[in-house]
Every structure is written in C-alpha cells, then in structure tokens.
C-alpha cells in the first residue's frame, strides 16, 4: 500500500521542508505579495520534480540538502553582520532597509 519508491514520497519530503520554512521563516516575507510567494513555491516544486525525474532521487536529496546552505549563510552570517537578528528579523527598520522595502508601513496614501 505505502511505497517510498515514488516521486510522491520525494514531493512529500520537499513540501515538508517548504512548510516548515514558511512557518518558521515566513515573517521574513511579510511584505512580499501572496501571489509572488505562491508562484515561487510552484516554480521551486517544478524544478525539484524535474531534477528528480532527470537525475534521480539521490541527486534530488543532495540538492535539497545543499539548498539549505544559502539559508544558513543568510540567517546566521549575513543578517547578523548587518545588525539584524537572523531568527526574528529585528530591528524591523534595518531589515526593511536591507530588503529595500518602505519602512513606514502605516503611511497614508
């Protein structure tokens, strides 16, 4: 009944990584539109499916593991060097400046 020798198992693992990433680090994307986040997820899932189908499961899992390296570098090294907490994204003013977002989110138009 259950088989781990299927692309659905790999998609489950990859989707779980995306889910926890969005739950734990989603506050870093608070000013990004929902459509952009959905499109980003669909594109990343598509690329992962293509990699799995062309190169196989082992390479896909290696790439999944390697994709965590930039995340670790950004949140553990780059953001703290800019004076931003890599876990909470605070102070928000510095993080918004880093992302190029408008700092005044409550201004009237």
N, C-alpha and C. Protein backbone atom coordinates (compact mmCIF):
# COMPACT_ATOMS: atom_id res chain seq x y z
N UNK A 1 0.81 -1.19 0.00
CA UNK A 1 0.00 0.00 0.00
C UNK A 1 0.86 1.26 0.00
N UNK A 2 1.73 1.40 0.99
CA UNK A 2 2.60 2.56 1.05
C UNK A 2 3.94 2.23 0.42
N UNK A 3 4.42 3.13 -0.41
CA UNK A 3 5.70 2.91 -1.06
C UNK A 3 6.51 4.20 -1.00
N UNK A 4 7.77 4.04 -0.62
CA UNK A 4 8.65 5.20 -0.61
C UNK A 4 9.42 5.29 -1.92
N UNK A 5 9.17 4.36 -2.81
CA UNK A 5 9.83 4.37 -4.12
C UNK A 5 8.94 5.06 -5.14
N UNK A 6 8.57 6.30 -4.83
CA UNK A 6 7.67 7.05 -5.67
C UNK A 6 8.05 8.52 -5.61
N UNK A 7 7.74 9.23 -6.68
CA UNK A 7 8.02 10.67 -6.68
C UNK A 7 7.17 11.39 -5.65
N UNK A 8 6.04 10.81 -5.29
CA UNK A 8 5.16 11.44 -4.29
C UNK A 8 5.81 11.48 -2.92
N UNK A 9 6.62 10.47 -2.61
CA UNK A 9 7.35 10.47 -1.34
C UNK A 9 8.35 11.62 -1.32
N UNK A 10 9.07 11.82 -2.43
CA UNK A 10 10.04 12.89 -2.51
C UNK A 10 9.36 14.26 -2.44
N UNK A 11 8.22 14.37 -3.10
CA UNK A 11 7.48 15.63 -3.04
C UNK A 11 6.97 15.89 -1.63
N UNK A 12 6.59 14.84 -0.92
CA UNK A 12 6.18 14.99 0.47
C UNK A 12 7.33 15.54 1.32
N UNK A 13 8.51 14.96 1.15
CA UNK A 13 9.68 15.42 1.92
C UNK A 13 9.99 16.88 1.58
N UNK A 14 10.01 17.20 0.29
CA UNK A 14 10.32 18.56 -0.13
C UNK A 14 9.25 19.54 0.34
N UNK A 15 7.99 19.15 0.23
CA UNK A 15 6.90 20.02 0.68
C UNK A 15 6.96 20.26 2.18
N UNK A 16 7.38 19.24 2.92
CA UNK A 16 7.53 19.39 4.36
C UNK A 16 8.61 20.42 4.69
N UNK A 17 9.74 20.39 3.95
CA UNK A 17 10.77 21.40 4.14
C UNK A 17 10.21 22.79 3.85
N UNK A 18 9.47 22.92 2.75
CA UNK A 18 8.88 24.22 2.42
C UNK A 18 7.89 24.68 3.49
N UNK A 19 7.09 23.74 3.98
CA UNK A 19 6.10 24.07 5.00
C UNK A 19 6.77 24.61 6.26
N UNK A 20 7.74 23.89 6.77
CA UNK A 20 8.42 24.34 7.98
C UNK A 20 9.20 25.63 7.74
N UNK A 21 9.77 25.76 6.54
CA UNK A 21 10.45 27.01 6.21
C UNK A 21 9.50 28.18 6.23
N UNK A 22 8.31 27.99 5.66
CA UNK A 22 7.33 29.08 5.65
C UNK A 22 6.80 29.38 7.04
N UNK A 23 6.62 28.36 7.85
CA UNK A 23 6.13 28.57 9.21
C UNK A 23 7.19 29.29 10.05
N UNK A 24 8.42 28.80 10.00
CA UNK A 24 9.47 29.34 10.87
C UNK A 24 10.07 30.65 10.35
N UNK A 25 10.14 30.81 9.04
CA UNK A 25 10.81 31.98 8.49
C UNK A 25 9.88 32.85 7.64
N UNK A 26 8.59 32.60 7.68
CA UNK A 26 7.65 33.35 6.87
C UNK A 26 7.58 34.82 7.20
N UNK A 27 7.93 35.18 8.43
CA UNK A 27 7.88 36.59 8.82
C UNK A 27 8.92 37.42 8.07
N UNK A 28 9.90 36.77 7.45
CA UNK A 28 10.87 37.49 6.64
C UNK A 28 10.28 37.90 5.30
N UNK A 29 9.15 37.33 4.93
CA UNK A 29 8.48 37.63 3.67
C UNK A 29 7.16 38.37 3.89
N UNK A 30 7.03 39.04 5.01
CA UNK A 30 5.75 39.65 5.37
C UNK A 30 5.27 40.71 4.38
N UNK A 31 6.16 41.37 3.69
CA UNK A 31 5.76 42.41 2.74
C UNK A 31 5.75 41.90 1.30
N UNK A 32 6.07 40.63 1.10
CA UNK A 32 6.02 40.04 -0.24
C UNK A 32 4.59 39.63 -0.54
N UNK A 33 4.13 39.88 -1.75
CA UNK A 33 2.74 39.55 -2.07
C UNK A 33 2.50 38.04 -2.02
N UNK A 34 1.28 37.68 -1.75
CA UNK A 34 0.91 36.26 -1.68
C UNK A 34 1.11 35.58 -3.02
N UNK A 35 0.79 36.28 -4.09
CA UNK A 35 0.94 35.70 -5.43
C UNK A 35 2.39 35.37 -5.72
N UNK A 36 3.27 36.27 -5.33
CA UNK A 36 4.69 36.02 -5.56
C UNK A 36 5.17 34.82 -4.76
N UNK A 37 4.70 34.69 -3.52
CA UNK A 37 5.08 33.54 -2.70
C UNK A 37 4.55 32.23 -3.28
N UNK A 38 3.31 32.25 -3.77
CA UNK A 38 2.73 31.05 -4.38
C UNK A 38 3.49 30.68 -5.65
N UNK A 39 3.76 31.66 -6.49
CA UNK A 39 4.49 31.40 -7.73
C UNK A 39 5.89 30.86 -7.44
N UNK A 40 6.54 31.43 -6.43
CA UNK A 40 7.87 30.97 -6.03
C UNK A 40 7.82 29.50 -5.60
N UNK A 41 6.82 29.14 -4.82
CA UNK A 41 6.68 27.76 -4.37
C UNK A 41 6.42 26.82 -5.54
N UNK A 42 5.54 27.21 -6.45
CA UNK A 42 5.22 26.36 -7.60
C UNK A 42 6.46 26.18 -8.48
N UNK A 43 7.21 27.24 -8.71
CA UNK A 43 8.42 27.13 -9.53
C UNK A 43 9.45 26.23 -8.86
N UNK A 44 9.65 26.41 -7.57
CA UNK A 44 10.63 25.58 -6.85
C UNK A 44 10.20 24.12 -6.88
N UNK A 45 8.91 23.85 -6.68
CA UNK A 45 8.43 22.46 -6.73
C UNK A 45 8.63 21.88 -8.13
N UNK A 46 8.35 22.68 -9.17
CA UNK A 46 8.55 22.21 -10.54
C UNK A 46 10.00 21.87 -10.83
N UNK A 47 10.90 22.74 -10.38
CA UNK A 47 12.33 22.47 -10.57
C UNK A 47 12.73 21.20 -9.85
N UNK A 48 12.22 21.03 -8.64
CA UNK A 48 12.55 19.83 -7.87
C UNK A 48 12.03 18.57 -8.56
N UNK A 49 10.83 18.62 -9.12
CA UNK A 49 10.29 17.47 -9.85
C UNK A 49 11.16 17.14 -11.06
N UNK A 50 11.55 18.16 -11.80
CA UNK A 50 12.38 17.95 -12.98
C UNK A 50 13.72 17.34 -12.59
N UNK A 51 14.33 17.85 -11.53
CA UNK A 51 15.61 17.30 -11.06
C UNK A 51 15.44 15.84 -10.66
N UNK A 52 14.36 15.53 -9.96
CA UNK A 52 14.12 14.15 -9.54
C UNK A 52 13.94 13.23 -10.74
N UNK A 53 13.16 13.66 -11.72
CA UNK A 53 12.89 12.81 -12.88
C UNK A 53 14.13 12.63 -13.75
N UNK A 54 14.94 13.66 -13.90
CA UNK A 54 16.10 13.58 -14.79
C UNK A 54 17.30 12.93 -14.09
N UNK A 55 17.60 13.35 -12.87
CA UNK A 55 18.83 12.91 -12.21
C UNK A 55 18.62 11.85 -11.14
N UNK A 56 17.42 11.68 -10.66
CA UNK A 56 17.15 10.65 -9.66
C UNK A 56 17.03 11.17 -8.25
N UNK A 57 16.61 10.27 -7.40
CA UNK A 57 16.30 10.59 -6.01
C UNK A 57 17.50 11.07 -5.22
N UNK A 58 18.62 10.39 -5.35
CA UNK A 58 19.78 10.73 -4.53
C UNK A 58 20.26 12.15 -4.84
N UNK A 59 20.37 12.47 -6.12
CA UNK A 59 20.80 13.82 -6.51
C UNK A 59 19.79 14.85 -6.02
N UNK A 60 18.51 14.55 -6.12
CA UNK A 60 17.48 15.48 -5.66
C UNK A 60 17.60 15.74 -4.16
N UNK A 61 17.85 14.69 -3.37
CA UNK A 61 18.01 14.89 -1.93
C UNK A 61 19.31 15.64 -1.62
N UNK A 62 20.35 15.40 -2.40
CA UNK A 62 21.59 16.16 -2.20
C UNK A 62 21.35 17.64 -2.48
N UNK A 63 20.64 17.92 -3.56
CA UNK A 63 20.34 19.32 -3.90
C UNK A 63 19.45 19.94 -2.82
N UNK A 64 18.51 19.17 -2.29
CA UNK A 64 17.67 19.67 -1.20
C UNK A 64 18.53 20.04 0.00
N UNK A 65 19.47 19.20 0.34
CA UNK A 65 20.38 19.50 1.45
C UNK A 65 21.26 20.70 1.16
N UNK A 66 21.77 20.77 -0.06
CA UNK A 66 22.63 21.91 -0.44
C UNK A 66 21.85 23.22 -0.47
N UNK A 67 20.56 23.14 -0.73
CA UNK A 67 19.75 24.37 -0.77
C UNK A 67 19.60 25.00 0.61
N UNK A 68 19.90 24.25 1.64
CA UNK A 68 19.84 24.80 3.00
C UNK A 68 21.06 25.66 3.32
N UNK A 69 22.15 25.46 2.59
CA UNK A 69 23.39 26.20 2.87
C UNK A 69 23.20 27.71 2.70
N UNK A 70 22.62 28.20 1.57
CA UNK A 70 22.42 29.65 1.47
C UNK A 70 21.51 30.21 2.56
N UNK A 71 20.52 29.43 2.96
CA UNK A 71 19.61 29.88 4.02
C UNK A 71 20.39 30.06 5.33
N UNK A 72 21.24 29.10 5.63
CA UNK A 72 22.05 29.19 6.84
C UNK A 72 23.01 30.36 6.76
N UNK A 73 23.64 30.55 5.60
CA UNK A 73 24.59 31.66 5.44
C UNK A 73 23.88 33.00 5.62
N UNK A 74 22.71 33.15 5.01
CA UNK A 74 21.99 34.42 5.11
C UNK A 74 21.56 34.69 6.54
N UNK A 75 20.94 33.70 7.19
CA UNK A 75 20.36 33.94 8.51
C UNK A 75 21.38 33.87 9.65
N UNK A 76 22.48 33.15 9.47
CA UNK A 76 23.46 33.03 10.55
C UNK A 76 24.66 33.95 10.39
N UNK A 77 24.93 34.41 9.14
CA UNK A 77 26.12 35.22 8.93
C UNK A 77 25.77 36.61 8.38
N UNK A 78 25.09 36.66 7.25
CA UNK A 78 24.86 37.93 6.56
C UNK A 78 23.97 38.88 7.37
N UNK A 79 22.82 38.41 7.82
CA UNK A 79 21.92 39.29 8.58
C UNK A 79 22.55 39.78 9.88
N UNK A 80 23.19 38.91 10.69
CA UNK A 80 23.83 39.44 11.90
C UNK A 80 24.93 40.47 11.62
N UNK A 81 25.64 40.34 10.50
CA UNK A 81 26.65 41.35 10.15
C UNK A 81 26.02 42.70 9.87
N UNK A 82 24.76 42.70 9.44
CA UNK A 82 24.05 43.95 9.16
C UNK A 82 23.33 44.47 10.41
N UNK A 83 23.49 43.77 11.54
CA UNK A 83 22.84 44.19 12.77
C UNK A 83 21.41 43.73 12.88
N UNK A 84 21.06 42.66 12.15
CA UNK A 84 19.70 42.13 12.13
C UNK A 84 19.72 40.73 12.74
N UNK A 85 18.77 40.47 13.63
CA UNK A 85 18.65 39.14 14.20
C UNK A 85 18.19 38.18 13.10
N UNK A 86 18.97 37.13 12.85
CA UNK A 86 18.68 36.18 11.78
C UNK A 86 17.50 35.28 12.05
N UNK A 87 17.01 35.26 13.27
CA UNK A 87 15.86 34.41 13.60
C UNK A 87 14.56 35.21 13.62
N UNK A 88 14.62 36.46 14.09
CA UNK A 88 13.40 37.26 14.24
C UNK A 88 13.27 38.38 13.21
N UNK A 89 14.37 38.75 12.57
CA UNK A 89 14.33 39.84 11.59
C UNK A 89 14.22 41.20 12.24
N UNK A 90 14.68 41.33 13.45
CA UNK A 90 14.60 42.60 14.17
C UNK A 90 15.98 43.20 14.31
N UNK A 91 16.11 44.47 14.34
CA UNK A 91 15.08 45.50 14.26
C UNK A 91 14.50 45.59 12.84
N UNK A 92 13.20 45.78 12.80
CA UNK A 92 12.48 45.79 11.53
C UNK A 92 12.98 46.89 10.60
N UNK A 93 13.36 48.03 11.16
CA UNK A 93 13.82 49.13 10.32
C UNK A 93 15.04 48.72 9.51
N UNK A 94 16.00 48.07 10.17
CA UNK A 94 17.20 47.63 9.46
C UNK A 94 16.87 46.54 8.45
N UNK A 95 15.98 45.63 8.81
CA UNK A 95 15.62 44.55 7.89
C UNK A 95 14.90 45.11 6.67
N UNK A 96 13.99 46.05 6.87
CA UNK A 96 13.28 46.65 5.74
C UNK A 96 14.25 47.39 4.84
N UNK A 97 15.22 48.08 5.43
CA UNK A 97 16.23 48.76 4.64
C UNK A 97 17.06 47.75 3.84
N UNK A 98 17.41 46.64 4.47
CA UNK A 98 18.17 45.58 3.81
C UNK A 98 17.41 45.02 2.60
N UNK A 99 16.11 44.85 2.75
CA UNK A 99 15.28 44.31 1.66
C UNK A 99 14.88 45.37 0.64
N UNK A 100 15.07 46.65 0.98
CA UNK A 100 14.67 47.72 0.07
C UNK A 100 13.19 48.05 0.16
N UNK A 101 12.56 47.70 1.28
CA UNK A 101 11.15 47.97 1.50
C UNK A 101 10.98 49.33 2.16
N UNK A 102 9.80 49.92 2.00
CA UNK A 102 9.47 51.18 2.67
C UNK A 102 9.32 50.89 4.16
N UNK A 103 10.01 51.66 4.98
CA UNK A 103 9.96 51.44 6.44
C UNK A 103 8.65 51.88 7.06
N UNK A 104 7.99 52.84 6.48
CA UNK A 104 6.75 53.36 7.04
C UNK A 104 5.58 52.58 6.44
N UNK A 105 5.16 51.53 7.13
CA UNK A 105 4.07 50.69 6.59
C UNK A 105 2.70 51.26 6.88
N UNK A 106 2.63 52.27 7.73
CA UNK A 106 1.32 52.82 8.10
C UNK A 106 1.05 54.19 7.47
N UNK A 107 1.86 54.59 6.52
CA UNK A 107 1.65 55.91 5.93
C UNK A 107 0.36 55.94 5.11
N UNK A 108 -0.22 57.11 5.05
CA UNK A 108 -1.47 57.27 4.29
C UNK A 108 -1.12 57.67 2.87
N UNK A 109 -1.88 57.14 1.93
CA UNK A 109 -1.63 57.43 0.52
C UNK A 109 -2.48 58.59 0.06
